[in-house]
Amino acid sequence: MRLVSVVTIVLLAGVAGCGGSSGYSSSTGPGGAGSHTLSLSMSGSAFSPTLDSITAGSTVTWTNHDAFAHTVTSVPTSPDIYNSGSVAASGTFSHLFATAGTYVYYCTFHGTPTSGMRGTIVVQ
C-alpha cells in the first residue's frame, strides 16, 4: 500500500509540473482579445520546441538561455521577413505573426535554413 501512495505522489507531482509547459499565455496585445504569446527558448544551440503552431495575431518571444549570442532569422521564402540581429545571453526577441502561413527560422551563427539550429512556426 505504501508503494502505491509513493507512486501516486510522484505521478501527481509530474503532472502538476507539466501544467505550464505549453508556453502560451493569453493577452490583449496588438493581436486583440484572444491573441496569444508563445514563449520559446534558445538553449544548447537549439530552439525549443522546434515546431509549434499559433493563431494569426499572436506574438512569439524567444529567450536566449545560452551563454553566447544567437539570432532568430526568417528564411527568405517566409510570408513575413524578420531578423532579430544578435540576441545576447539572457536576451529576448519577439515577433508578431499577423498572417497565416508556415514560418521557418534559424540562427545564422549555428544553423542554416535546412539544418542545425532552426525551427518552424505554423500560423493558422
N, C-alpha and C. Protein backbone atom coordinates (compact mmCIF):
# COMPACT_ATOMS: atom_id res chain seq x y z
N MET A 1 0.82 -1.19 0.00
CA MET A 1 0.00 0.00 0.00
C MET A 1 0.86 1.26 0.00
N ARG A 2 1.96 1.24 0.77
CA ARG A 2 2.83 2.40 0.85
C ARG A 2 3.47 2.70 -0.50
N LEU A 3 3.86 1.67 -1.27
CA LEU A 3 4.44 1.87 -2.59
C LEU A 3 3.45 2.55 -3.53
N VAL A 4 2.18 2.16 -3.44
CA VAL A 4 1.16 2.78 -4.28
C VAL A 4 1.04 4.27 -3.94
N SER A 5 1.09 4.63 -2.67
CA SER A 5 0.99 6.04 -2.27
C SER A 5 2.17 6.84 -2.78
N VAL A 6 3.37 6.29 -2.71
CA VAL A 6 4.57 6.99 -3.19
C VAL A 6 4.49 7.18 -4.70
N VAL A 7 4.10 6.14 -5.42
CA VAL A 7 3.98 6.22 -6.87
C VAL A 7 2.93 7.27 -7.25
N THR A 8 1.80 7.28 -6.54
CA THR A 8 0.74 8.26 -6.81
C THR A 8 1.24 9.68 -6.61
N ILE A 9 1.97 9.92 -5.53
CA ILE A 9 2.50 11.26 -5.26
C ILE A 9 3.48 11.68 -6.35
N VAL A 10 4.36 10.77 -6.77
CA VAL A 10 5.32 11.09 -7.82
C VAL A 10 4.61 11.41 -9.12
N LEU A 11 3.61 10.62 -9.47
CA LEU A 11 2.87 10.88 -10.71
C LEU A 11 2.12 12.20 -10.65
N LEU A 12 1.48 12.51 -9.53
CA LEU A 12 0.78 13.77 -9.40
C LEU A 12 1.73 14.95 -9.47
N ALA A 13 2.90 14.83 -8.86
CA ALA A 13 3.89 15.91 -8.94
C ALA A 13 4.34 16.11 -10.38
N GLY A 14 4.52 15.04 -11.13
CA GLY A 14 4.92 15.15 -12.53
C GLY A 14 3.86 15.82 -13.38
N VAL A 15 2.60 15.46 -13.15
CA VAL A 15 1.51 16.08 -13.89
C VAL A 15 1.40 17.56 -13.55
N ALA A 16 1.53 17.90 -12.28
CA ALA A 16 1.46 19.31 -11.88
C ALA A 16 2.58 20.10 -12.50
N GLY A 17 3.76 19.52 -12.61
CA GLY A 17 4.90 20.19 -13.21
C GLY A 17 4.73 20.42 -14.69
N CYS A 18 3.91 19.62 -15.35
CA CYS A 18 3.70 19.75 -16.79
C CYS A 18 2.62 20.77 -17.12
N GLY A 19 1.88 21.22 -16.14
CA GLY A 19 0.75 22.09 -16.40
C GLY A 19 1.08 23.35 -17.16
N GLY A 20 2.24 23.96 -16.95
CA GLY A 20 2.56 25.22 -17.62
C GLY A 20 3.52 25.06 -18.77
N SER A 21 3.65 23.87 -19.32
CA SER A 21 4.69 23.64 -20.30
C SER A 21 4.35 24.11 -21.70
N SER A 22 3.14 24.52 -21.96
CA SER A 22 2.77 24.88 -23.32
C SER A 22 3.45 26.15 -23.80
N GLY A 23 3.81 27.02 -22.87
CA GLY A 23 4.46 28.26 -23.26
C GLY A 23 3.48 29.33 -23.71
N TYR A 24 2.18 29.05 -23.68
CA TYR A 24 1.18 30.02 -24.13
C TYR A 24 0.66 30.84 -22.96
N SER A 25 0.34 32.08 -23.23
CA SER A 25 -0.38 32.90 -22.27
C SER A 25 -1.33 33.79 -23.04
N SER A 26 -2.50 34.03 -22.47
CA SER A 26 -3.47 34.90 -23.12
C SER A 26 -3.07 36.35 -22.95
N SER A 27 -3.42 37.17 -23.91
CA SER A 27 -3.13 38.59 -23.80
C SER A 27 -4.16 39.37 -24.61
N THR A 28 -4.12 40.67 -24.43
CA THR A 28 -4.97 41.53 -25.25
C THR A 28 -4.09 42.57 -25.92
N GLY A 29 -2.96 42.11 -26.41
CA GLY A 29 -1.99 42.99 -27.06
C GLY A 29 -2.42 43.37 -28.46
N PRO A 30 -1.46 43.66 -29.34
CA PRO A 30 -1.75 44.14 -30.68
C PRO A 30 -2.65 43.22 -31.49
N GLY A 31 -2.66 41.93 -31.15
CA GLY A 31 -3.50 41.00 -31.87
C GLY A 31 -4.95 41.06 -31.46
N GLY A 32 -5.26 41.84 -30.43
CA GLY A 32 -6.63 41.97 -29.96
C GLY A 32 -6.98 40.92 -28.94
N ALA A 33 -8.22 40.94 -28.48
CA ALA A 33 -8.68 39.99 -27.48
C ALA A 33 -8.51 38.58 -28.00
N GLY A 34 -8.01 37.70 -27.14
CA GLY A 34 -7.84 36.31 -27.52
C GLY A 34 -6.54 36.01 -28.22
N SER A 35 -5.69 36.99 -28.46
CA SER A 35 -4.40 36.69 -29.06
C SER A 35 -3.53 36.00 -28.01
N HIS A 36 -2.47 35.40 -28.44
CA HIS A 36 -1.61 34.64 -27.54
C HIS A 36 -0.16 35.07 -27.67
N THR A 37 0.58 34.75 -26.64
CA THR A 37 2.02 34.89 -26.67
C THR A 37 2.61 33.50 -26.47
N LEU A 38 3.51 33.11 -27.33
CA LEU A 38 4.19 31.82 -27.22
C LEU A 38 5.63 32.09 -26.85
N SER A 39 6.11 31.44 -25.80
CA SER A 39 7.49 31.60 -25.37
C SER A 39 8.31 30.40 -25.80
N LEU A 40 9.37 30.66 -26.55
CA LEU A 40 10.29 29.62 -26.99
C LEU A 40 11.67 29.90 -26.40
N SER A 41 12.51 28.88 -26.33
CA SER A 41 13.84 29.10 -25.77
C SER A 41 14.93 28.75 -26.77
N MET A 42 16.08 29.37 -26.56
CA MET A 42 17.30 29.06 -27.27
C MET A 42 18.25 28.52 -26.21
N SER A 43 18.55 27.23 -26.30
CA SER A 43 19.38 26.59 -25.29
C SER A 43 20.10 25.39 -25.91
N GLY A 44 21.39 25.25 -25.60
CA GLY A 44 22.15 24.15 -26.18
C GLY A 44 22.27 24.26 -27.68
N SER A 45 22.32 25.49 -28.18
CA SER A 45 22.36 25.76 -29.61
C SER A 45 21.21 25.10 -30.35
N ALA A 46 20.02 25.18 -29.73
CA ALA A 46 18.80 24.65 -30.34
C ALA A 46 17.62 25.52 -29.91
N PHE A 47 16.61 25.60 -30.78
CA PHE A 47 15.35 26.22 -30.42
C PHE A 47 14.46 25.16 -29.78
N SER A 48 13.67 25.54 -28.80
CA SER A 48 12.79 24.58 -28.15
C SER A 48 11.45 25.23 -27.87
N PRO A 49 10.35 24.63 -28.34
CA PRO A 49 10.34 23.48 -29.24
C PRO A 49 10.72 23.90 -30.65
N THR A 50 11.02 22.93 -31.49
CA THR A 50 11.43 23.25 -32.86
C THR A 50 10.24 23.43 -33.79
N LEU A 51 9.07 22.98 -33.36
CA LEU A 51 7.86 23.14 -34.16
C LEU A 51 6.72 23.50 -33.22
N ASP A 52 5.98 24.54 -33.56
CA ASP A 52 4.82 24.92 -32.77
C ASP A 52 3.84 25.64 -33.67
N SER A 53 2.60 25.78 -33.21
CA SER A 53 1.59 26.49 -34.01
C SER A 53 0.90 27.52 -33.13
N ILE A 54 0.47 28.59 -33.78
CA ILE A 54 -0.23 29.70 -33.12
C ILE A 54 -1.33 30.19 -34.05
N THR A 55 -2.16 31.06 -33.53
CA THR A 55 -3.17 31.70 -34.37
C THR A 55 -2.63 33.04 -34.85
N ALA A 56 -3.10 33.47 -36.00
CA ALA A 56 -2.69 34.77 -36.54
C ALA A 56 -3.00 35.86 -35.51
N GLY A 57 -2.10 36.80 -35.38
CA GLY A 57 -2.25 37.87 -34.40
C GLY A 57 -1.54 37.58 -33.09
N SER A 58 -0.85 36.45 -33.03
CA SER A 58 -0.12 36.07 -31.82
C SER A 58 1.34 36.49 -31.92
N THR A 59 1.95 36.62 -30.76
CA THR A 59 3.36 37.00 -30.68
C THR A 59 4.18 35.84 -30.16
N VAL A 60 5.34 35.63 -30.74
CA VAL A 60 6.29 34.64 -30.25
C VAL A 60 7.46 35.39 -29.65
N THR A 61 7.88 34.97 -28.46
CA THR A 61 9.06 35.54 -27.81
C THR A 61 10.08 34.44 -27.59
N TRP A 62 11.27 34.63 -28.12
CA TRP A 62 12.38 33.71 -27.93
C TRP A 62 13.28 34.28 -26.82
N THR A 63 13.74 33.43 -25.91
CA THR A 63 14.65 33.82 -24.84
C THR A 63 15.93 33.00 -24.97
N ASN A 64 17.07 33.69 -24.97
CA ASN A 64 18.37 33.03 -25.09
C ASN A 64 18.85 32.58 -23.72
N HIS A 65 18.87 31.26 -23.51
CA HIS A 65 19.35 30.68 -22.25
C HIS A 65 20.79 30.19 -22.35
N ASP A 66 21.44 30.42 -23.49
CA ASP A 66 22.85 30.06 -23.64
C ASP A 66 23.74 31.21 -23.18
N ALA A 67 25.01 30.94 -23.02
CA ALA A 67 25.98 31.95 -22.57
C ALA A 67 26.56 32.73 -23.75
N PHE A 68 26.06 32.49 -24.95
CA PHE A 68 26.56 33.15 -26.15
C PHE A 68 25.38 33.57 -27.02
N ALA A 69 25.64 34.41 -28.00
CA ALA A 69 24.58 35.01 -28.82
C ALA A 69 24.01 34.04 -29.85
N HIS A 70 22.75 34.31 -30.21
CA HIS A 70 22.04 33.62 -31.28
C HIS A 70 21.28 34.67 -32.10
N THR A 71 20.74 34.25 -33.22
CA THR A 71 19.81 35.08 -33.97
C THR A 71 18.52 34.30 -34.19
N VAL A 72 17.46 35.02 -34.51
CA VAL A 72 16.21 34.43 -34.96
C VAL A 72 15.94 35.09 -36.30
N THR A 73 16.18 34.34 -37.37
CA THR A 73 16.16 34.89 -38.72
C THR A 73 15.22 34.07 -39.61
N SER A 74 14.26 34.73 -40.24
CA SER A 74 13.35 34.02 -41.13
C SER A 74 14.08 33.62 -42.41
N VAL A 75 13.62 32.53 -43.02
CA VAL A 75 14.17 32.15 -44.32
C VAL A 75 13.62 33.12 -45.36
N PRO A 76 14.34 33.32 -46.46
CA PRO A 76 13.92 34.29 -47.48
C PRO A 76 12.54 34.04 -48.07
N THR A 77 12.03 32.80 -48.00
CA THR A 77 10.73 32.48 -48.59
C THR A 77 9.58 32.60 -47.59
N SER A 78 9.84 33.08 -46.38
CA SER A 78 8.79 33.24 -45.37
C SER A 78 7.73 34.24 -45.82
N PRO A 79 6.49 34.06 -45.35
CA PRO A 79 5.44 35.03 -45.66
C PRO A 79 5.74 36.42 -45.06
N ASP A 80 6.60 36.48 -44.05
CA ASP A 80 6.98 37.72 -43.39
C ASP A 80 8.46 37.60 -43.06
N ILE A 81 9.25 38.59 -43.42
CA ILE A 81 10.69 38.55 -43.19
C ILE A 81 11.03 39.28 -41.89
N TYR A 82 11.82 38.64 -41.04
CA TYR A 82 12.25 39.25 -39.79
C TYR A 82 13.65 38.75 -39.45
N ASN A 83 14.38 39.55 -38.68
CA ASN A 83 15.73 39.19 -38.23
C ASN A 83 15.98 39.89 -36.90
N SER A 84 16.27 39.11 -35.89
CA SER A 84 16.48 39.64 -34.55
C SER A 84 17.78 40.39 -34.40
N GLY A 85 18.74 40.14 -35.30
CA GLY A 85 20.09 40.59 -35.02
C GLY A 85 20.65 39.71 -33.91
N SER A 86 21.76 40.06 -33.36
CA SER A 86 22.40 39.26 -32.31
C SER A 86 21.62 39.38 -31.00
N VAL A 87 21.16 38.25 -30.48
CA VAL A 87 20.46 38.20 -29.19
C VAL A 87 21.44 37.66 -28.16
N ALA A 88 21.90 38.52 -27.27
CA ALA A 88 22.90 38.14 -26.27
C ALA A 88 22.33 37.17 -25.25
N ALA A 89 23.22 36.57 -24.45
CA ALA A 89 22.81 35.69 -23.36
C ALA A 89 21.77 36.39 -22.50
N SER A 90 20.71 35.70 -22.15
CA SER A 90 19.58 36.18 -21.35
C SER A 90 18.71 37.20 -22.09
N GLY A 91 19.02 37.49 -23.35
CA GLY A 91 18.23 38.43 -24.13
C GLY A 91 16.99 37.78 -24.72
N THR A 92 16.09 38.61 -25.22
CA THR A 92 14.86 38.12 -25.84
C THR A 92 14.64 38.83 -27.18
N PHE A 93 13.82 38.20 -28.00
CA PHE A 93 13.36 38.77 -29.26
C PHE A 93 11.91 38.35 -29.44
N SER A 94 11.06 39.29 -29.83
CA SER A 94 9.64 39.00 -30.04
C SER A 94 9.24 39.40 -31.45
N HIS A 95 8.29 38.64 -32.00
CA HIS A 95 7.76 38.95 -33.33
C HIS A 95 6.28 38.64 -33.36
N LEU A 96 5.48 39.57 -33.89
CA LEU A 96 4.04 39.39 -34.06
C LEU A 96 3.79 38.73 -35.41
N PHE A 97 3.07 37.62 -35.40
CA PHE A 97 2.74 36.90 -36.62
C PHE A 97 1.29 37.22 -36.99
N ALA A 98 1.12 38.12 -37.94
CA ALA A 98 -0.21 38.60 -38.31
C ALA A 98 -0.85 37.78 -39.43
N THR A 99 -0.05 37.09 -40.22
CA THR A 99 -0.52 36.42 -41.43
C THR A 99 -0.35 34.91 -41.31
N ALA A 100 -1.38 34.16 -41.71
CA ALA A 100 -1.29 32.70 -41.71
C ALA A 100 -0.19 32.24 -42.65
N GLY A 101 0.44 31.15 -42.30
CA GLY A 101 1.49 30.58 -43.14
C GLY A 101 2.45 29.75 -42.31
N THR A 102 3.45 29.21 -42.98
CA THR A 102 4.49 28.43 -42.32
C THR A 102 5.76 29.24 -42.32
N TYR A 103 6.30 29.47 -41.14
CA TYR A 103 7.47 30.32 -40.96
C TYR A 103 8.65 29.48 -40.47
N VAL A 104 9.62 29.28 -41.33
CA VAL A 104 10.84 28.59 -40.94
C VAL A 104 11.84 29.67 -40.55
N TYR A 105 12.53 29.46 -39.43
CA TYR A 105 13.53 30.42 -38.95
C TYR A 105 14.76 29.65 -38.50
N TYR A 106 15.88 30.36 -38.38
CA TYR A 106 17.12 29.71 -37.99
C TYR A 106 18.05 30.72 -37.34
N CYS A 107 19.10 30.20 -36.71
CA CYS A 107 20.16 31.03 -36.14
C CYS A 107 21.26 31.13 -37.18
N THR A 108 21.61 32.33 -37.59
CA THR A 108 22.64 32.50 -38.62
C THR A 108 24.02 32.11 -38.11
N PHE A 109 24.22 32.05 -36.79
CA PHE A 109 25.51 31.64 -36.22
C PHE A 109 25.65 30.13 -36.12
N HIS A 110 24.53 29.41 -35.90
CA HIS A 110 24.61 27.99 -35.58
C HIS A 110 23.70 27.11 -36.44
N GLY A 111 23.22 27.63 -37.55
CA GLY A 111 22.35 26.84 -38.39
C GLY A 111 22.22 27.43 -39.78
N THR A 112 21.38 26.78 -40.56
CA THR A 112 21.04 27.24 -41.91
C THR A 112 19.52 27.06 -42.05
N PRO A 113 18.95 27.52 -43.14
CA PRO A 113 17.51 27.29 -43.33
C PRO A 113 17.12 25.81 -43.37
N THR A 114 18.09 24.91 -43.62
CA THR A 114 17.75 23.49 -43.75
C THR A 114 18.42 22.57 -42.73
N SER A 115 19.30 23.10 -41.87
CA SER A 115 19.96 22.22 -40.90
C SER A 115 20.46 23.02 -39.69
N GLY A 116 20.84 22.30 -38.67
CA GLY A 116 21.39 22.95 -37.48
C GLY A 116 20.30 23.58 -36.63
N MET A 117 20.60 24.74 -36.08
CA MET A 117 19.69 25.44 -35.18
C MET A 117 18.61 26.13 -35.98
N ARG A 118 17.44 25.50 -36.04
CA ARG A 118 16.31 26.05 -36.81
C ARG A 118 15.01 25.58 -36.20
N GLY A 119 13.93 26.23 -36.59
CA GLY A 119 12.61 25.87 -36.08
C GLY A 119 11.53 26.32 -37.05
N THR A 120 10.29 25.94 -36.74
CA THR A 120 9.16 26.26 -37.59
C THR A 120 7.96 26.69 -36.73
N ILE A 121 7.32 27.77 -37.15
CA ILE A 121 6.07 28.23 -36.55
C ILE A 121 5.00 28.13 -37.63
N VAL A 122 3.91 27.46 -37.32
CA VAL A 122 2.77 27.38 -38.23
C VAL A 122 1.70 28.33 -37.68
N VAL A 123 1.35 29.33 -38.50
CA VAL A 123 0.36 30.33 -38.10
C VAL A 123 -0.94 30.02 -38.81
N GLN A 124 -2.00 29.83 -38.02
CA GLN A 124 -3.30 29.45 -38.59
C GLN A 124 -4.28 30.59 -38.50
